[in-house]
Structures are given as structure tokens and as C-alpha cells.
C-alpha atoms as a PDB file:
ATOM      1  CA  UNK A   1      10.982  -6.967 -55.849  1.00  0.00           C
ATOM      2  CA  UNK A   2      13.120  -4.093 -54.508  1.00  0.00           C
ATOM      3  CA  UNK A   3      10.096  -2.636 -52.722  1.00  0.00           C
ATOM      4  CA  UNK A   4       9.387  -5.937 -50.956  1.00  0.00           C
ATOM      5  CA  UNK A   5      13.062  -6.188 -50.018  1.00  0.00           C
ATOM      6  CA  UNK A   6      12.881  -2.690 -48.520  1.00  0.00           C
ATOM      7  CA  UNK A   7       9.812  -3.559 -46.434  1.00  0.00           C
ATOM      8  CA  UNK A   8      11.413  -6.781 -45.199  1.00  0.00           C
ATOM      9  CA  UNK A   9      14.646  -4.958 -44.382  1.00  0.00           C
ATOM     10  CA  UNK A  10      12.873  -2.213 -42.423  1.00  0.00           C
ATOM     11  CA  UNK A  11      10.931  -4.843 -40.479  1.00  0.00           C
ATOM     12  CA  UNK A  12      14.135  -6.716 -39.653  1.00  0.00           C
ATOM     13  CA  UNK A  13      15.836  -3.463 -38.719  1.00  0.00           C
ATOM     14  CA  UNK A  14      13.118  -2.857 -36.152  1.00  0.00           C
ATOM     15  CA  UNK A  15      13.042  -6.422 -34.869  1.00  0.00           C
ATOM     16  CA  UNK A  16      16.782  -7.107 -34.712  1.00  0.00           C
ATOM     17  CA  UNK A  17      17.829  -3.982 -32.872  1.00  0.00           C
ATOM     18  CA  UNK A  18      20.189  -5.975 -30.648  1.00  0.00           C
ATOM     19  CA  UNK A  19      22.282  -6.881 -33.718  1.00  0.00           C
ATOM     20  CA  UNK A  20      23.121  -3.305 -34.688  1.00  0.00           C
ATOM     21  CA  UNK A  21      26.709  -3.902 -33.585  1.00  0.00           C
ATOM     22  CA  UNK A  22      27.157  -6.088 -36.687  1.00  0.00           C
ATOM     23  CA  UNK A  23      27.127  -3.014 -38.921  1.00  0.00           C
ATOM     24  CA  UNK A  24      29.552  -0.756 -37.115  1.00  0.00           C
ATOM     25  CA  UNK A  25      32.330   0.923 -39.078  1.00  0.00           C
ATOM     26  CA  UNK A  26      35.337  -1.063 -37.879  1.00  0.00           C
ATOM     27  CA  UNK A  27      35.711  -2.974 -41.151  1.00  0.00           C
ATOM     28  CA  UNK A  28      35.493   0.275 -43.100  1.00  0.00           C
ATOM     29  CA  UNK A  29      38.053   1.923 -40.820  1.00  0.00           C
ATOM     30  CA  UNK A  30      40.486  -0.928 -41.449  1.00  0.00           C
ATOM     31  CA  UNK A  31      39.905  -1.124 -45.194  1.00  0.00           C
ATOM     32  CA  UNK A  32      40.044   2.575 -46.043  1.00  0.00           C
ATOM     33  CA  UNK A  33      42.701   3.136 -43.407  1.00  0.00           C
ATOM     34  CA  UNK A  34      45.063   1.313 -45.739  1.00  0.00           C
ATOM     35  CA  UNK A  35      45.023   4.413 -47.955  1.00  0.00           C
ATOM     36  CA  UNK A  36      46.723   6.351 -45.166  1.00  0.00           C
ATOM     37  CA  UNK A  37      49.837   4.256 -45.775  1.00  0.00           C
ATOM     38  CA  UNK A  38      50.259   5.744 -49.248  1.00  0.00           C
ATOM     39  CA  UNK A  39      52.028   8.875 -48.121  1.00  0.00           C
ATOM     40  CA  UNK A  40      53.011  10.584 -51.352  1.00  0.00           C
ATOM     41  CA  UNK A  41      51.024  10.428 -54.566  1.00  0.00           C
ATOM     42  CA  UNK A  42      49.946  12.730 -57.360  1.00  0.00           C
ATOM     43  CA  UNK A  43      46.443  14.200 -57.393  1.00  0.00           C
ATOM     44  CA  UNK A  44      45.484  11.906 -60.273  1.00  0.00           C
ATOM     45  CA  UNK A  45      46.697   8.810 -58.425  1.00  0.00           C
ATOM     46  CA  UNK A  46      44.874   9.861 -55.243  1.00  0.00           C
ATOM     47  CA  UNK A  47      41.640  10.245 -57.206  1.00  0.00           C
ATOM     48  CA  UNK A  48      42.083   6.915 -58.996  1.00  0.00           C
ATOM     49  CA  UNK A  49      43.001   4.925 -55.884  1.00  0.00           C
ATOM     50  CA  UNK A  50      40.156   6.360 -53.798  1.00  0.00           C
ATOM     51  CA  UNK A  51      37.560   5.786 -56.505  1.00  0.00           C
ATOM     52  CA  UNK A  52      38.779   2.213 -57.048  1.00  0.00           C
ATOM     53  CA  UNK A  53      38.726   1.592 -53.293  1.00  0.00           C
ATOM     54  CA  UNK A  54      35.009   2.431 -53.352  1.00  0.00           C
ATOM     55  CA  UNK A  55      34.065   0.882 -56.701  1.00  0.00           C
ATOM     56  CA  UNK A  56      35.865  -2.481 -56.536  1.00  0.00           C
ATOM     57  CA  UNK A  57      34.092  -3.801 -53.384  1.00  0.00           C
ATOM     58  CA  UNK A  58      30.814  -2.560 -54.885  1.00  0.00           C
ATOM     59  CA  UNK A  59      31.423  -4.682 -57.977  1.00  0.00           C
ATOM     60  CA  UNK A  60      32.281  -7.669 -55.778  1.00  0.00           C
ATOM     61  CA  UNK A  61      29.014  -7.265 -53.856  1.00  0.00           C
ATOM     62  CA  UNK A  62      27.117  -6.946 -57.129  1.00  0.00           C
ATOM     63  CA  UNK A  63      28.751 -10.113 -58.488  1.00  0.00           C
ATOM     64  CA  UNK A  64      27.953 -12.091 -55.354  1.00  0.00           C
ATOM     65  CA  UNK A  65      24.316 -10.991 -55.307  1.00  0.00           C
ATOM     66  CA  UNK A  66      23.784 -11.703 -59.009  1.00  0.00           C
ATOM     67  CA  UNK A  67      25.552 -15.043 -58.668  1.00  0.00           C
ATOM     68  CA  UNK A  68      23.233 -16.080 -55.846  1.00  0.00           C
ATOM     69  CA  UNK A  69      20.227 -14.791 -57.785  1.00  0.00           C
ATOM     70  CA  UNK A  70      21.211 -16.928 -60.779  1.00  0.00           C
ATOM     71  CA  UNK A  71      21.273 -19.995 -58.530  1.00  0.00           C
ATOM     72  CA  UNK A  72      17.933 -19.208 -56.908  1.00  0.00           C
ATOM     73  CA  UNK A  73      15.675 -16.124 -56.817  1.00  0.00           C
ATOM     74  CA  UNK A  74      15.188 -16.749 -53.112  1.00  0.00           C
ATOM     75  CA  UNK A  75      18.943 -16.643 -52.468  1.00  0.00           C
ATOM     76  CA  UNK A  76      19.210 -13.454 -54.501  1.00  0.00           C
ATOM     77  CA  UNK A  77      16.384 -11.866 -52.527  1.00  0.00           C
ATOM     78  CA  UNK A  78      17.912 -12.876 -49.183  1.00  0.00           C
ATOM     79  CA  UNK A  79      21.289 -11.517 -50.266  1.00  0.00           C
ATOM     80  CA  UNK A  80      19.668  -8.218 -51.277  1.00  0.00           C
ATOM     81  CA  UNK A  81      17.952  -7.918 -47.898  1.00  0.00           C
ATOM     82  CA  UNK A  82      21.147  -8.676 -45.973  1.00  0.00           C
ATOM     83  CA  UNK A  83      23.200  -6.199 -48.016  1.00  0.00           C
ATOM     84  CA  UNK A  84      20.623  -3.453 -47.538  1.00  0.00           C
ATOM     85  CA  UNK A  85      20.270  -4.201 -43.831  1.00  0.00           C
ATOM     86  CA  UNK A  86      24.031  -3.927 -43.335  1.00  0.00           C
ATOM     87  CA  UNK A  87      24.101  -0.677 -45.335  1.00  0.00           C
ATOM     88  CA  UNK A  88      21.751   1.161 -42.974  1.00  0.00           C
ATOM     89  CA  UNK A  89      22.741   2.929 -39.805  1.00  0.00           C
ATOM     90  CA  UNK A  90      24.999   2.011 -38.129  1.00  0.00           C
ATOM     91  CA  UNK A  91      22.369   3.054 -35.591  1.00  0.00           C
ATOM     92  CA  UNK A  92      18.742   3.824 -36.299  1.00  0.00           C
ATOM     93  CA  UNK A  93      18.165   7.543 -35.790  1.00  0.00           C
ATOM     94  CA  UNK A  94      14.510   7.109 -34.784  1.00  0.00           C
ATOM     95  CA  UNK A  95      15.413   4.501 -32.173  1.00  0.00           C
ATOM     96  CA  UNK A  96      18.069   6.820 -30.736  1.00  0.00           C
ATOM     97  CA  UNK A  97      15.422   9.541 -30.442  1.00  0.00           C
ATOM     98  CA  UNK A  98      13.154   7.136 -28.584  1.00  0.00           C
ATOM     99  CA  UNK A  99      15.916   6.127 -26.178  1.00  0.00           C
ATOM    100  CA  UNK A 100      16.897   9.764 -25.722  1.00  0.00           C
ATOM    101  CA  UNK A 101      13.356  10.657 -24.706  1.00  0.00           C
ATOM    102  CA  UNK A 102      13.287   7.803 -22.207  1.00  0.00           C
ATOM    103  CA  UNK A 103      16.585   8.971 -20.707  1.00  0.00           C
ATOM    104  CA  UNK A 104      15.303  12.546 -20.435  1.00  0.00           C
ATOM    105  CA  UNK A 105      12.087  11.387 -18.757  1.00  0.00           C
ATOM    106  CA  UNK A 106      14.152   9.407 -16.259  1.00  0.00           C
ATOM    107  CA  UNK A 107      16.406  12.437 -15.718  1.00  0.00           C
ATOM    108  CA  UNK A 108      19.417  10.294 -16.651  1.00  0.00           C
ATOM    109  CA  UNK A 109      21.631  13.100 -17.939  1.00  0.00           C
ATOM    110  CA  UNK A 110      24.638  10.855 -18.579  1.00  0.00           C
ATOM    111  CA  UNK A 111      22.664   8.469 -20.804  1.00  0.00           C
ATOM    112  CA  UNK A 112      20.880  11.340 -22.549  1.00  0.00           C
ATOM    113  CA  UNK A 113      24.225  12.959 -23.345  1.00  0.00           C
ATOM    114  CA  UNK A 114      25.614   9.669 -24.670  1.00  0.00           C
ATOM    115  CA  UNK A 115      22.629   9.163 -26.956  1.00  0.00           C
ATOM    116  CA  UNK A 116      22.726  12.775 -28.110  1.00  0.00           C
ATOM    117  CA  UNK A 117      26.391  12.367 -29.047  1.00  0.00           C
ATOM    118  CA  UNK A 118      25.580   9.253 -31.107  1.00  0.00           C
ATOM    119  CA  UNK A 119      22.979  11.156 -33.097  1.00  0.00           C
ATOM    120  CA  UNK A 120      24.708  14.516 -33.394  1.00  0.00           C
ATOM    121  CA  UNK A 121      28.053  12.787 -34.066  1.00  0.00           C
ATOM    122  CA  UNK A 122      29.741  15.442 -31.977  1.00  0.00           C
ATOM    123  CA  UNK A 123      29.713  16.757 -28.444  1.00  0.00           C
ATOM    124  CA  UNK A 124      26.150  17.917 -27.635  1.00  0.00           C
ATOM    125  CA  UNK A 125      25.615  21.462 -26.356  1.00  0.00           C
ATOM    126  CA  UNK A 126      25.281  22.047 -22.646  1.00  0.00           C
ATOM    127  CA  UNK A 127      21.814  22.532 -21.218  1.00  0.00           C
ATOM    128  CA  UNK A 128      18.763  20.310 -21.655  1.00  0.00           C
ATOM    129  CA  UNK A 129      16.877  22.708 -23.940  1.00  0.00           C
ATOM    130  CA  UNK A 130      19.848  23.313 -26.228  1.00  0.00           C
ATOM    131  CA  UNK A 131      20.666  19.604 -26.314  1.00  0.00           C
ATOM    132  CA  UNK A 132      17.099  18.586 -27.218  1.00  0.00           C
ATOM    133  CA  UNK A 133      17.028  21.234 -29.941  1.00  0.00           C
ATOM    134  CA  UNK A 134      20.325  19.971 -31.379  1.00  0.00           C
ATOM    135  CA  UNK A 135      19.086  16.370 -31.264  1.00  0.00           C
ATOM    136  CA  UNK A 136      15.929  17.278 -33.191  1.00  0.00           C
ATOM    137  CA  UNK A 137      17.906  19.094 -35.885  1.00  0.00           C
ATOM    138  CA  UNK A 138      20.435  16.251 -36.085  1.00  0.00           C
ATOM    139  CA  UNK A 139      17.590  13.841 -36.799  1.00  0.00           C
ATOM    140  CA  UNK A 140      16.552  15.893 -39.841  1.00  0.00           C
ATOM    141  CA  UNK A 141      20.008  15.417 -41.364  1.00  0.00           C
ATOM    142  CA  UNK A 142      21.081  11.983 -40.081  1.00  0.00           C
ATOM    143  CA  UNK A 143      17.946  10.279 -41.375  1.00  0.00           C
ATOM    144  CA  UNK A 144      19.252  10.837 -44.893  1.00  0.00           C
ATOM    145  CA  UNK A 145      22.709   9.405 -44.330  1.00  0.00           C
ATOM    146  CA  UNK A 146      21.553   6.488 -42.203  1.00  0.00           C
ATOM    147  CA  UNK A 147      18.327   5.487 -43.925  1.00  0.00           C
ATOM    148  CA  UNK A 148      16.956   7.388 -46.909  1.00  0.00           C
ATOM    149  CA  UNK A 149      20.102   7.627 -49.074  1.00  0.00           C
ATOM    150  CA  UNK A 150      20.885   3.868 -48.819  1.00  0.00           C
ATOM    151  CA  UNK A 151      17.253   3.117 -49.701  1.00  0.00           C
ATOM    152  CA  UNK A 152      17.399   5.548 -52.628  1.00  0.00           C
ATOM    153  CA  UNK A 153      20.492   3.967 -54.156  1.00  0.00           C
ATOM    154  CA  UNK A 154      19.086   0.498 -53.479  1.00  0.00           C
ATOM    155  CA  UNK A 155      16.065   1.422 -55.587  1.00  0.00           C
ATOM    156  CA  UNK A 156      18.229   2.920 -58.351  1.00  0.00           C
ATOM    157  CA  UNK A 157      21.077   0.378 -58.549  1.00  0.00           C
ATOM    158  CA  UNK A 158      19.933  -2.547 -56.429  1.00  0.00           C
ATOM    159  CA  UNK A 159      22.026  -4.013 -53.576  1.00  0.00           C
ATOM    160  CA  UNK A 160      25.233  -2.704 -55.146  1.00  0.00           C
ATOM    161  CA  UNK A 161      23.827   0.832 -54.854  1.00  0.00           C
ATOM    162  CA  UNK A 162      23.312   0.468 -51.115  1.00  0.00           C
ATOM    163  CA  UNK A 163      26.806  -1.027 -50.791  1.00  0.00           C
ATOM    164  CA  UNK A 164      28.254   1.856 -52.828  1.00  0.00           C
ATOM    165  CA  UNK A 165      26.751   4.429 -50.488  1.00  0.00           C
ATOM    166  CA  UNK A 166      27.890   2.481 -47.402  1.00  0.00           C
ATOM    167  CA  UNK A 167      31.434   2.358 -48.752  1.00  0.00           C
ATOM    168  CA  UNK A 168      31.494   6.072 -49.549  1.00  0.00           C
ATOM    169  CA  UNK A 169      30.267   6.882 -46.046  1.00  0.00           C
ATOM    170  CA  UNK A 170      32.882   4.615 -44.475  1.00  0.00           C
ATOM    171  CA  UNK A 171      35.605   6.192 -46.587  1.00  0.00           C
ATOM    172  CA  UNK A 172      34.754   9.611 -45.161  1.00  0.00           C
ATOM    173  CA  UNK A 173      34.704   8.332 -41.575  1.00  0.00           C
ATOM    174  CA  UNK A 174      37.934   6.379 -41.929  1.00  0.00           C
ATOM    175  CA  UNK A 175      39.946   9.090 -43.684  1.00  0.00           C
ATOM    176  CA  UNK A 176      38.780  12.203 -41.863  1.00  0.00           C
ATOM    177  CA  UNK A 177      41.348  13.861 -39.549  1.00  0.00           C
ATOM    178  CA  UNK A 178      41.599  12.249 -36.135  1.00  0.00           C
ATOM    179  CA  UNK A 179      41.852  15.616 -34.417  1.00  0.00           C
ATOM    180  CA  UNK A 180      41.247  19.269 -35.170  1.00  0.00           C
ATOM    181  CA  UNK A 181      45.020  19.792 -35.361  1.00  0.00           C
ATOM    182  CA  UNK A 182      45.453  17.286 -38.211  1.00  0.00           C
ATOM    183  CA  UNK A 183      45.094  18.567 -41.751  1.00  0.00           C
ATOM    184  CA  UNK A 184      42.760  16.547 -44.010  1.00  0.00           C
ATOM    185  CA  UNK A 185      44.575  14.307 -46.468  1.00  0.00           C
ATOM    186  CA  UNK A 186      44.010  14.326 -50.219  1.00  0.00           C
ATOM    187  CA  UNK A 187      42.302  10.941 -49.878  1.00  0.00           C
ATOM    188  CA  UNK A 188      39.885  12.368 -47.306  1.00  0.00           C
ATOM    189  CA  UNK A 189      38.966  15.220 -49.653  1.00  0.00           C
ATOM    190  CA  UNK A 190      38.262  12.847 -52.556  1.00  0.00           C
ATOM    191  CA  UNK A 191      36.210  10.574 -50.274  1.00  0.00           C
ATOM    192  CA  UNK A 192      34.214  13.576 -49.074  1.00  0.00           C
ATOM    193  CA  UNK A 193      33.468  14.573 -52.664  1.00  0.00           C
ATOM    194  CA  UNK A 194      32.357  11.049 -53.607  1.00  0.00           C
ATOM    195  CA  UNK A 195      30.068  10.747 -50.606  1.00  0.00           C
ATOM    196  CA  UNK A 196      28.705  14.256 -51.028  1.00  0.00           C
ATOM    197  CA  UNK A 197      27.913  13.591 -54.659  1.00  0.00           C
ATOM    198  CA  UNK A 198      26.078  10.369 -53.852  1.00  0.00           C
ATOM    199  CA  UNK A 199      24.162  12.050 -51.022  1.00  0.00           C
ATOM    200  CA  UNK A 200      23.169  15.113 -53.083  1.00  0.00           C
ATOM    201  CA  UNK A 201      20.104  13.728 -54.909  1.00  0.00           C
ATOM    202  CA  UNK A 202      18.527  11.898 -51.926  1.00  0.00           C
ATOM    203  CA  UNK A 203      19.231  14.877 -49.657  1.00  0.00           C
ATOM    204  CA  UNK A 204      17.367  17.238 -51.983  1.00  0.00           C
ATOM    205  CA  UNK A 205      14.501  14.813 -52.490  1.00  0.00           C
ATOM    206  CA  UNK A 206      14.167  14.411 -48.741  1.00  0.00           C
ATOM    207  CA  UNK A 207      14.348  18.182 -48.249  1.00  0.00           C
ATOM    208  CA  UNK A 208      11.503  18.703 -50.712  1.00  0.00           C
ATOM    209  CA  UNK A 209       9.491  15.976 -49.013  1.00  0.00           C
ATOM    210  CA  UNK A 210       9.885  17.859 -45.719  1.00  0.00           C
ATOM    211  CA  UNK A 211       8.036  20.690 -47.414  1.00  0.00           C
ATOM    212  CA  UNK A 212       5.356  18.383 -48.829  1.00  0.00           C
ATOM    213  CA  UNK A 213       4.519  16.944 -45.406  1.00  0.00           C
ATOM    214  CA  UNK A 214       5.143  20.213 -43.548  1.00  0.00           C
ATOM    215  CA  UNK A 215       4.911  23.838 -44.598  1.00  0.00           C
ATOM    216  CA  UNK A 216       5.736  23.758 -48.316  1.00  0.00           C
ATOM    217  CA  UNK A 217       5.588  27.519 -48.930  1.00  0.00           C
ATOM    218  CA  UNK A 218       8.035  28.208 -46.116  1.00  0.00           C
ATOM    219  CA  UNK A 219      10.312  25.372 -47.210  1.00  0.00           C
ATOM    220  CA  UNK A 220      10.440  26.440 -50.851  1.00  0.00           C
ATOM    221  CA  UNK A 221      11.035  30.068 -49.900  1.00  0.00           C
ATOM    222  CA  UNK A 222      13.882  29.204 -47.517  1.00  0.00           C
ATOM    223  CA  UNK A 223      15.543  26.828 -49.988  1.00  0.00           C
ATOM    224  CA  UNK A 224      15.521  29.480 -52.715  1.00  0.00           C
ATOM    225  CA  UNK A 225      16.938  32.039 -50.289  1.00  0.00           C
ATOM    226  CA  UNK A 226      19.634  29.604 -49.187  1.00  0.00           C
ATOM    227  CA  UNK A 227      20.811  28.929 -52.729  1.00  0.00           C
ATOM    228  CA  UNK A 228      20.903  32.637 -53.540  1.00  0.00           C
ATOM    229  CA  UNK A 229      23.293  33.175 -50.626  1.00  0.00           C
ATOM    230  CA  UNK A 230      25.209  29.886 -50.780  1.00  0.00           C
ATOM    231  CA  UNK A 231      28.856  29.907 -51.855  1.00  0.00           C
ATOM    232  CA  UNK A 232      29.709  26.262 -51.118  1.00  0.00           C
ATOM    233  CA  UNK A 233      30.170  23.591 -53.760  1.00  0.00           C
ATOM    234  CA  UNK A 234      27.145  21.412 -54.380  1.00  0.00           C
ATOM    235  CA  UNK A 235      28.442  18.325 -52.543  1.00  0.00           C
ATOM    236  CA  UNK A 236      29.025  20.369 -49.367  1.00  0.00           C
ATOM    237  CA  UNK A 237      25.414  21.509 -49.003  1.00  0.00           C
ATOM    238  CA  UNK A 238      23.565  18.307 -48.156  1.00  0.00           C
ATOM    239  CA  UNK A 239      23.240  18.704 -44.383  1.00  0.00           C
ATOM    240  CA  UNK A 240      22.623  22.439 -44.671  1.00  0.00           C
ATOM    241  CA  UNK A 241      19.829  21.899 -47.204  1.00  0.00           C
ATOM    242  CA  UNK A 242      18.141  19.294 -45.004  1.00  0.00           C
ATOM    243  CA  UNK A 243      18.433  21.518 -41.960  1.00  0.00           C
ATOM    244  CA  UNK A 244      17.140  24.567 -43.840  1.00  0.00           C
ATOM    245  CA  UNK A 245      14.170  22.636 -45.242  1.00  0.00           C
ATOM    246  CA  UNK A 246      13.395  20.940 -41.949  1.00  0.00           C
ATOM    247  CA  UNK A 247      13.402  24.179 -39.984  1.00  0.00           C
ATOM    248  CA  UNK A 248      11.167  25.851 -42.547  1.00  0.00           C
ATOM    249  CA  UNK A 249       8.771  22.889 -42.711  1.00  0.00           C
ATOM    250  CA  UNK A 250       8.388  23.043 -38.936  1.00  0.00           C
ATOM    251  CA  UNK A 251       7.701  26.777 -38.884  1.00  0.00           C
ATOM    252  CA  UNK A 252       4.012  26.545 -39.734  1.00  0.00           C
ATOM    253  CA  UNK A 253       1.026  27.405 -37.543  1.00  0.00           C
ATOM    254  CA  UNK A 254       0.924  25.724 -34.150  1.00  0.00           C
ATOM    255  CA  UNK A 255       4.704  25.580 -33.728  1.00  0.00           C
ATOM    256  CA  UNK A 256       4.955  28.611 -31.475  1.00  0.00           C
ATOM    257  CA  UNK A 257       5.560  28.136 -27.783  1.00  0.00           C
ATOM    258  CA  UNK A 258       6.390  24.437 -27.940  1.00  0.00           C
ATOM    259  CA  UNK A 259       8.583  22.993 -25.223  1.00  0.00           C
ATOM    260  CA  UNK A 260      11.737  21.066 -26.030  1.00  0.00           C
ATOM    261  CA  UNK A 261      10.129  17.617 -26.140  1.00  0.00           C
ATOM    262  CA  UNK A 262       7.208  18.828 -28.239  1.00  0.00           C
ATOM    263  CA  UNK A 263       9.629  20.337 -30.741  1.00  0.00           C
ATOM    264  CA  UNK A 264      11.566  17.073 -30.804  1.00  0.00           C
ATOM    265  CA  UNK A 265       8.345  15.148 -31.404  1.00  0.00           C
ATOM    266  CA  UNK A 266       7.418  17.411 -34.316  1.00  0.00           C
ATOM    267  CA  UNK A 267      10.832  16.891 -35.913  1.00  0.00           C
ATOM    268  CA  UNK A 268      10.448  13.127 -35.503  1.00  0.00           C
ATOM    269  CA  UNK A 269       6.961  13.233 -37.003  1.00  0.00           C
ATOM    270  CA  UNK A 270       8.176  15.310 -39.944  1.00  0.00           C
ATOM    271  CA  UNK A 271      11.003  12.884 -40.753  1.00  0.00           C
ATOM    272  CA  UNK A 272       8.715   9.866 -40.343  1.00  0.00           C
ATOM    273  CA  UNK A 273       6.060  11.299 -42.658  1.00  0.00           C
ATOM    274  CA  UNK A 274       8.684  12.174 -45.285  1.00  0.00           C
ATOM    275  CA  UNK A 275       9.974   8.592 -45.298  1.00  0.00           C
ATOM    276  CA  UNK A 276       6.459   7.167 -45.450  1.00  0.00           C
ATOM    277  CA  UNK A 277       5.753   9.457 -48.399  1.00  0.00           C
ATOM    278  CA  UNK A 278       8.668   8.003 -50.337  1.00  0.00           C
ATOM    279  CA  UNK A 279       7.736   4.445 -49.415  1.00  0.00           C
ATOM    280  CA  UNK A 280       4.297   5.118 -50.869  1.00  0.00           C
ATOM    281  CA  UNK A 281       5.870   6.578 -54.030  1.00  0.00           C
ATOM    282  CA  UNK A 282       8.160   3.558 -54.433  1.00  0.00           C
ATOM    283  CA  UNK A 283       5.223   1.239 -53.810  1.00  0.00           C
ATOM    284  CA  UNK A 284       3.105   2.967 -56.462  1.00  0.00           C
ATOM    285  CA  UNK A 285       5.889   2.752 -59.039  1.00  0.00           C
ATOM    286  CA  UNK A 286       6.371  -0.916 -58.192  1.00  0.00           C
ATOM    287  CA  UNK A 287       2.654  -1.595 -58.508  1.00  0.00           C
ATOM    288  CA  UNK A 288       2.546   0.288 -61.797  1.00  0.00           C
ATOM    289  CA  UNK A 289       5.428  -1.806 -63.114  1.00  0.00           C
ATOM    290  CA  UNK A 290       3.647  -5.016 -62.187  1.00  0.00           C
ATOM    291  CA  UNK A 291       0.402  -3.906 -63.843  1.00  0.00           C
ATOM    292  CA  UNK A 292       2.118  -2.721 -67.009  1.00  0.00           C
END
């Protein structure tokens, strides 16, 4: 049933693009922003409060979904689809790429810069070539946080898994420093560890799938080299692993001399194929469960 819910959710995500504003992060900013009011606390209390702030709403979502499912399987299914749909994004990375390409073709630099900022989640570099390159690399990492990781935890834990990942992501966004001059709080550090831990498995699975649908030898070689040199803690490596794997997967024959839009298209194709690969895997496991 989870596989069908995923297919329905992805279809709705494509068809209800105008409703993306319903899943912005304002509610998360307000909810986790309440932690900022607790000024002084021990390290143990900070850990406990932050974990509870993520876990308790997850349990509430799980109770609601199971309660509806006990009343009617249809209500439970609809609740699962709605929860998963709200857990994606907030904006679809592939749709942003499409709009970015349209803006570039129209030579609308202001709109292209705005879209690039939404995907990169930071100020894009100056220059059309550098900006397009940064957008393509941002896609390789953002597709995990905005799509694959919520789907992964939905498959593992059901709707509560998708809600758990959404809450951890919102905790990071709400508690991170508002400026470069502000030191990160203890709550922000705990939230970053929780989110990084939840993103670690799907990030590595997606990185390996980049190699399977791209240049596997190059990907495996670069990942091994990265881990030999890496000094970061495991939950800090997710974006770097995805970027390392994506670059290596795109370094195969036929990638030399591509212009900026062709390189962007290849990155989009790589991410799309990786997601399709995992949809096929989930579908096969679902079919095997039905047969057995």
C-alpha cells in the first residue's frame, strides 16, 4: 500500500504545483522557534527537549493516521498521502530546474537568479556559466532532502517516518543562526545532528544509485577516496557525499565539452534515473510481498 501511496503522492505533487505554498516552513519556524526562548539549559536538557520537540508531533501524526485507518482503510490511505505530500519540498527541485531553464532561455536574469537561490538555498554565484553549474550541483543534493529522504522514511516507518524527517528538517531551518555573526545555539546543533542522522542512510543510497545509473567505477573510486580523506563526523557528510558521487557519475565518456545547459540536463537526467531506479526497487519489493 505504501508504494501506491507514493505513486499517488508524486502524481498529486506534479498536478497540484500551485498549492506548494501550503507546505512552506512557517509552521515549523514558529513551533521550533519556541526553543529559542529557553535561554539557559544543561546539555542533557537541550538534547531531551529538542528530541521531544521532534518526536512528540511525530507520535501525534502516527496516532491520527492509525486512528483514521482503523475507521476506514480509505481514510487511512488518504491521510498517508496527505502527510507524505506535505512532507515533500517545500518546492520540487525538478520543477525549479525546469523554470530556471525557461528563465535562462528568455534571458530573464532576475527570475533565473531568484530560482537559482531557491534551489541552492544561498546566493548564487555571479555569471551565467557559474550559476548554471551551481544549480546542477545543488539539484544532486537537494533531491535527497526534498524528495528521496521523505520517501525513504515513508517506506520504512510509514507516514510518521515522513513526518519525522519533515520535522527534523524544519528544526534545522528554524534554529540555525539568522546571520553569519550569530553563533549557533545548542538547540541548533542537536537539531543538525538529528537531521543529519536521518538523512545519512538515504543520502548514501542515493549516492550509490548515482553510480548505478551513471559511471559506477568513477563513483565508487571517488567515494572511497573521499572517505579516506574525510575528517567530518558522519552526519555532516551527506551533501558532500551526494556531490562527490554525482560529479563522479557524470564524468563518464561523452561529458567533455558540454555547455552549461547540457551539463544541467545531464545532472537532471542522472537524478531522475536514480529516483526511478528506487521506485522500481520499491515496486518489486511490494509486488514480492503481495505474491508471498
